[in-house]
């Protein structure tokens, strides 16, 4: 089945939500290599929206979860990508809290900085992969996450 271009575009845009939450993981990397800050540009509107509205990230989450993934009138391709992006976002939020609790006092040390940069590069890799797959009109198949999404949507 051929996925319309507008659905592909929205499928790509929805992955900017987890990308906006991955940007803070790169602060040490961005200080070391300032030109890398350009990769954060696509996520800046969501980044500012989340932080500009009280409880912005929670509102966006519920809007997407209840308004898109649970709405059978919205095409499956968009529901699939939205739920997958939300699950990635939840994973990033959990990792962020783990960093704050476990590694907070050691944030200037080499290991937390390396782990933080690794999270950023890992999420960037996932975002590039999902962008390419959505552009081609395919469902991005992320091990574990995609299976959970399919179970939820059927």
Protein backbone atom coordinates (compact mmCIF):
# COMPACT_ATOMS: atom_id res chain seq x y z
CA UNK A 1 0.00 0.00 0.00
CA UNK A 2 1.36 3.40 -0.97
CA UNK A 3 1.56 5.85 1.92
CA UNK A 4 0.62 9.44 0.92
CA UNK A 5 3.35 12.04 1.09
CA UNK A 6 1.60 14.06 3.82
CA UNK A 7 1.52 10.99 6.10
CA UNK A 8 5.21 10.38 5.48
CA UNK A 9 6.00 13.98 6.39
CA UNK A 10 3.96 13.87 9.59
CA UNK A 11 5.52 10.50 10.43
CA UNK A 12 8.95 12.10 10.20
CA UNK A 13 7.91 15.18 12.22
CA UNK A 14 6.54 13.12 15.09
CA UNK A 15 10.02 11.74 15.82
CA UNK A 16 11.14 15.25 16.69
CA UNK A 17 9.46 14.71 20.08
CA UNK A 18 12.02 12.15 21.32
CA UNK A 19 14.77 14.08 19.55
CA UNK A 20 13.87 17.22 21.52
CA UNK A 21 14.23 15.25 24.75
CA UNK A 22 17.58 13.84 23.64
CA UNK A 23 19.14 17.26 23.01
CA UNK A 24 20.07 17.91 26.69
CA UNK A 25 22.16 14.73 26.65
CA UNK A 26 24.48 16.40 24.16
CA UNK A 27 25.41 19.49 26.14
CA UNK A 28 28.99 18.26 26.75
CA UNK A 29 29.31 17.20 23.12
CA UNK A 30 27.93 20.54 21.91
CA UNK A 31 30.46 22.42 24.06
CA UNK A 32 33.31 20.37 22.61
CA UNK A 33 32.06 20.59 19.02
CA UNK A 34 29.87 23.71 18.64
CA UNK A 35 29.06 22.97 15.00
CA UNK A 36 27.11 19.89 16.16
CA UNK A 37 24.41 22.18 17.58
CA UNK A 38 22.99 22.39 14.06
CA UNK A 39 21.58 18.87 14.41
CA UNK A 40 19.25 20.12 17.13
CA UNK A 41 17.50 22.65 14.87
CA UNK A 42 14.62 20.40 13.69
CA UNK A 43 13.57 19.76 17.29
CA UNK A 44 13.73 23.34 18.55
CA UNK A 45 10.03 24.19 18.00
CA UNK A 46 8.96 21.22 20.12
CA UNK A 47 11.73 21.92 22.64
CA UNK A 48 10.49 25.49 23.16
CA UNK A 49 6.84 24.42 23.14
CA UNK A 50 7.47 21.83 25.87
CA UNK A 51 9.32 24.30 28.04
CA UNK A 52 7.23 27.37 27.22
CA UNK A 53 3.86 25.97 28.30
CA UNK A 54 3.32 24.85 31.88
CA UNK A 55 3.28 21.03 31.81
CA UNK A 56 3.96 21.32 28.06
CA UNK A 57 5.57 17.92 27.65
CA UNK A 58 2.76 16.22 29.56
CA UNK A 59 0.12 18.02 27.47
CA UNK A 60 1.85 17.08 24.22
CA UNK A 61 2.12 13.47 25.40
CA UNK A 62 -1.59 13.20 26.23
CA UNK A 63 -2.61 15.05 23.09
CA UNK A 64 -0.65 12.64 20.91
CA UNK A 65 -1.56 9.53 22.88
CA UNK A 66 -5.28 10.17 23.19
CA UNK A 67 -5.80 12.26 20.07
CA UNK A 68 -3.70 10.27 17.61
CA UNK A 69 -2.84 6.75 18.74
CA UNK A 70 -6.26 6.00 20.20
CA UNK A 71 -8.20 7.58 17.32
CA UNK A 72 -9.18 4.92 14.74
CA UNK A 73 -10.00 7.64 12.20
CA UNK A 74 -6.32 8.53 11.89
CA UNK A 75 -4.35 6.38 9.42
CA UNK A 76 -2.49 3.41 10.88
CA UNK A 77 0.89 4.68 9.62
CA UNK A 78 0.58 7.87 11.71
CA UNK A 79 -0.76 6.04 14.75
CA UNK A 80 2.11 3.54 14.55
CA UNK A 81 4.82 6.19 14.27
CA UNK A 82 3.24 8.36 16.97
CA UNK A 83 3.06 5.53 19.49
CA UNK A 84 6.59 4.44 18.64
CA UNK A 85 7.88 8.00 19.11
CA UNK A 86 6.04 8.23 22.44
CA UNK A 87 7.62 4.98 23.65
CA UNK A 88 11.05 6.27 22.65
CA UNK A 89 10.28 9.47 24.53
CA UNK A 90 9.26 7.55 27.65
CA UNK A 91 12.53 5.64 27.47
CA UNK A 92 14.47 8.88 27.23
CA UNK A 93 12.62 10.36 30.20
CA UNK A 94 13.47 7.29 32.30
CA UNK A 95 17.12 7.51 31.23
CA UNK A 96 17.14 11.21 32.07
CA UNK A 97 15.84 10.58 35.58
CA UNK A 98 18.37 7.77 36.05
CA UNK A 99 21.15 10.16 35.03
CA UNK A 100 19.92 12.82 37.45
CA UNK A 101 19.58 10.43 40.37
CA UNK A 102 22.56 8.12 39.88
CA UNK A 103 25.07 10.26 38.04
CA UNK A 104 24.06 13.80 39.08
CA UNK A 105 26.89 14.37 41.55
CA UNK A 106 29.43 13.06 39.03
CA UNK A 107 28.17 14.96 35.96
CA UNK A 108 31.55 16.62 35.32
CA UNK A 109 33.38 13.27 35.26
CA UNK A 110 34.34 11.49 32.08
CA UNK A 111 32.07 8.44 32.38
CA UNK A 112 28.76 10.33 32.80
CA UNK A 113 29.74 12.67 29.96
CA UNK A 114 30.58 9.71 27.72
CA UNK A 115 27.33 7.94 28.61
CA UNK A 116 25.36 11.10 27.98
CA UNK A 117 26.98 11.58 24.57
CA UNK A 118 26.33 7.91 23.78
CA UNK A 119 22.62 8.39 24.48
CA UNK A 120 22.55 11.38 22.13
CA UNK A 121 24.33 9.52 19.34
CA UNK A 122 22.10 6.47 19.83
CA UNK A 123 18.93 8.53 19.62
CA UNK A 124 20.30 10.40 16.59
CA UNK A 125 20.90 7.05 14.89
CA UNK A 126 17.33 5.97 15.65
CA UNK A 127 15.94 9.29 14.38
CA UNK A 128 17.92 9.05 11.12
CA UNK A 129 16.73 5.46 10.63
CA UNK A 130 13.08 6.29 11.33
CA UNK A 131 13.28 9.34 9.06
CA UNK A 132 14.60 7.26 6.16
CA UNK A 133 12.00 4.55 6.72
CA UNK A 134 9.12 7.04 6.98
CA UNK A 135 10.35 8.87 3.88
CA UNK A 136 10.19 5.56 2.00
CA UNK A 137 6.70 4.90 3.34
CA UNK A 138 7.76 1.96 5.53
CA UNK A 139 7.11 1.35 9.20
CA UNK A 140 10.40 1.79 11.05
CA UNK A 141 11.06 -1.55 12.73
CA UNK A 142 12.81 -0.95 16.05
CA UNK A 143 13.40 -4.23 17.93
CA UNK A 144 11.15 -4.56 20.95
CA UNK A 145 9.51 -1.18 20.53
CA UNK A 146 7.78 -1.93 17.22
CA UNK A 147 6.40 -5.21 18.55
CA UNK A 148 4.97 -3.41 21.58
CA UNK A 149 3.41 -0.78 19.30
CA UNK A 150 1.80 -3.40 17.07
CA UNK A 151 0.35 -5.18 20.10
CA UNK A 152 -1.13 -1.90 21.36
CA UNK A 153 -2.63 -0.92 18.01
CA UNK A 154 -4.31 -4.21 17.18
